[in-house]
Amino acid sequence: MEDMLTLPVSYRDTEYNFPFRIIPQGYTYRFVVTVDELEVIFERDDSGELRALTVDSSITDRMRLPEPGLLAAIAAVIDSLMQ
């Protein structure tokens, strides 16, 4: 079982503390961040950029998805941790 950590993110003048865990995958890692009870997976794509994925197939209402700007802010913090 992975340990849950806290990821501090600043977005639109608000400070967030998202719970996350790190999952090793081959030679890299996946970051699983919980945003409003939804698990969002951040991983590197083939070009080396972080992408956000969700595996919750029950999401049919786009309104439940986090804002793209918030996902970009989370990705920027993860990217800074990986350097």
C-alpha atoms as a PDB file:
ATOM      1  CA  MET A   1       0.000   0.000   0.000  1.00  0.00           C
ATOM      2  CA  GLU A   2       1.350   3.421  -0.955  1.00  0.00           C
ATOM      3  CA  ASP A   3       1.658   6.274   1.505  1.00  0.00           C
ATOM      4  CA  MET A   4      -0.620   9.253   0.940  1.00  0.00           C
ATOM      5  CA  LEU A   5       1.208  12.558   0.658  1.00  0.00           C
ATOM      6  CA  THR A   6       0.002  16.140   0.277  1.00  0.00           C
ATOM      7  CA  LEU A   7       0.560  18.207  -2.853  1.00  0.00           C
ATOM      8  CA  PRO A   8       0.335  21.988  -2.268  1.00  0.00           C
ATOM      9  CA  VAL A   9      -1.022  23.818  -5.338  1.00  0.00           C
ATOM     10  CA  SER A  10      -1.767  27.501  -5.816  1.00  0.00           C
ATOM     11  CA  TYR A  11      -4.480  28.262  -8.378  1.00  0.00           C
ATOM     12  CA  ARG A  12      -6.501  31.444  -8.881  1.00  0.00           C
ATOM     13  CA  ASP A  13      -5.370  32.984  -5.583  1.00  0.00           C
ATOM     14  CA  THR A  14      -6.411  29.859  -3.653  1.00  0.00           C
ATOM     15  CA  GLU A  15      -4.126  27.388  -1.922  1.00  0.00           C
ATOM     16  CA  TYR A  16      -5.070  23.724  -2.234  1.00  0.00           C
ATOM     17  CA  ASN A  17      -3.614  20.645  -0.549  1.00  0.00           C
ATOM     18  CA  PHE A  18      -4.433  17.610  -2.652  1.00  0.00           C
ATOM     19  CA  PRO A  19      -3.787  14.099  -1.336  1.00  0.00           C
ATOM     20  CA  PHE A  20      -1.665  12.056  -3.720  1.00  0.00           C
ATOM     21  CA  ARG A  21       0.381   8.906  -3.975  1.00  0.00           C
ATOM     22  CA  ILE A  22       3.254   7.867  -6.209  1.00  0.00           C
ATOM     23  CA  ILE A  23       3.087   4.579  -8.094  1.00  0.00           C
ATOM     24  CA  PRO A  24       6.258   3.226  -9.750  1.00  0.00           C
ATOM     25  CA  GLN A  25       5.661   2.096 -13.328  1.00  0.00           C
ATOM     26  CA  GLY A  26       8.614   0.629 -15.189  1.00  0.00           C
ATOM     27  CA  TYR A  27      11.348   3.252 -15.297  1.00  0.00           C
ATOM     28  CA  THR A  28       9.011   6.101 -14.390  1.00  0.00           C
ATOM     29  CA  TYR A  29       6.244   7.051 -11.967  1.00  0.00           C
ATOM     30  CA  ARG A  30       2.549   7.817 -11.990  1.00  0.00           C
ATOM     31  CA  PHE A  31       1.149  10.419  -9.624  1.00  0.00           C
ATOM     32  CA  VAL A  32      -2.408   9.718  -8.493  1.00  0.00           C
ATOM     33  CA  VAL A  33      -3.931  12.958  -7.199  1.00  0.00           C
ATOM     34  CA  THR A  34      -7.373  13.117  -5.586  1.00  0.00           C
ATOM     35  CA  VAL A  35      -9.270  16.203  -6.810  1.00  0.00           C
ATOM     36  CA  ASP A  36     -12.803  16.592  -5.417  1.00  0.00           C
ATOM     37  CA  GLU A  37     -13.077  12.841  -4.733  1.00  0.00           C
ATOM     38  CA  LEU A  38     -11.917  12.014  -8.280  1.00  0.00           C
ATOM     39  CA  GLU A  39      -8.594  10.249  -8.789  1.00  0.00           C
ATOM     40  CA  VAL A  40      -6.594  11.884 -11.573  1.00  0.00           C
ATOM     41  CA  ILE A  41      -3.480  10.104 -12.835  1.00  0.00           C
ATOM     42  CA  PHE A  42      -0.569  12.222 -14.025  1.00  0.00           C
ATOM     43  CA  GLU A  43       2.043  10.485 -16.161  1.00  0.00           C
ATOM     44  CA  ARG A  44       4.548  11.363 -18.873  1.00  0.00           C
ATOM     45  CA  ASP A  45       3.466  10.942 -22.484  1.00  0.00           C
ATOM     46  CA  ASP A  46       5.778   9.934 -25.355  1.00  0.00           C
ATOM     47  CA  SER A  47       7.032  13.522 -25.751  1.00  0.00           C
ATOM     48  CA  GLY A  48       7.889  13.786 -22.041  1.00  0.00           C
ATOM     49  CA  GLU A  49       5.009  16.098 -21.105  1.00  0.00           C
ATOM     50  CA  LEU A  50       2.687  15.339 -18.200  1.00  0.00           C
ATOM     51  CA  ARG A  51      -0.828  14.288 -19.109  1.00  0.00           C
ATOM     52  CA  ALA A  52      -3.851  13.877 -16.846  1.00  0.00           C
ATOM     53  CA  LEU A  53      -6.028  10.774 -17.071  1.00  0.00           C
ATOM     54  CA  THR A  54      -8.975   9.450 -15.135  1.00  0.00           C
ATOM     55  CA  VAL A  55     -10.127   5.856 -14.966  1.00  0.00           C
ATOM     56  CA  ASP A  56     -13.544   6.604 -13.477  1.00  0.00           C
ATOM     57  CA  SER A  57     -15.860   5.312 -16.192  1.00  0.00           C
ATOM     58  CA  SER A  58     -18.923   6.531 -14.281  1.00  0.00           C
ATOM     59  CA  ILE A  59     -18.168  10.158 -15.177  1.00  0.00           C
ATOM     60  CA  THR A  60     -20.676  11.153 -17.782  1.00  0.00           C
ATOM     61  CA  ASP A  61     -21.162  14.769 -16.769  1.00  0.00           C
ATOM     62  CA  ARG A  62     -18.274  16.959 -17.939  1.00  0.00           C
ATOM     63  CA  MET A  63     -19.099  19.365 -15.120  1.00  0.00           C
ATOM     64  CA  ARG A  64     -17.644  16.895 -12.613  1.00  0.00           C
ATOM     65  CA  LEU A  65     -14.194  17.073 -14.211  1.00  0.00           C
ATOM     66  CA  PRO A  66     -11.665  19.500 -12.693  1.00  0.00           C
ATOM     67  CA  GLU A  67     -10.956  22.711 -14.587  1.00  0.00           C
ATOM     68  CA  PRO A  68      -8.186  22.344 -17.189  1.00  0.00           C
ATOM     69  CA  GLY A  69      -6.332  25.263 -15.578  1.00  0.00           C
ATOM     70  CA  LEU A  70      -6.328  23.490 -12.213  1.00  0.00           C
ATOM     71  CA  LEU A  71      -5.011  20.314 -13.832  1.00  0.00           C
ATOM     72  CA  ALA A  72      -2.248  22.357 -15.496  1.00  0.00           C
ATOM     73  CA  ALA A  73      -1.341  23.912 -12.124  1.00  0.00           C
ATOM     74  CA  ILE A  74      -1.156  20.451 -10.534  1.00  0.00           C
ATOM     75  CA  ALA A  75       0.988  19.189 -13.430  1.00  0.00           C
ATOM     76  CA  ALA A  76       3.358  22.151 -13.008  1.00  0.00           C
ATOM     77  CA  VAL A  77       3.876  21.348  -9.330  1.00  0.00           C
ATOM     78  CA  ILE A  78       4.464  17.656 -10.095  1.00  0.00           C
ATOM     79  CA  ASP A  79       6.886  18.620 -12.860  1.00  0.00           C
ATOM     80  CA  SER A  80       8.852  20.809 -10.451  1.00  0.00           C
ATOM     81  CA  LEU A  81       9.053  17.911  -7.976  1.00  0.00           C
ATOM     82  CA  MET A  82      10.453  15.581 -10.627  1.00  0.00           C
ATOM     83  CA  GLN A  83      13.389  17.848 -11.536  1.00  0.00           C
END
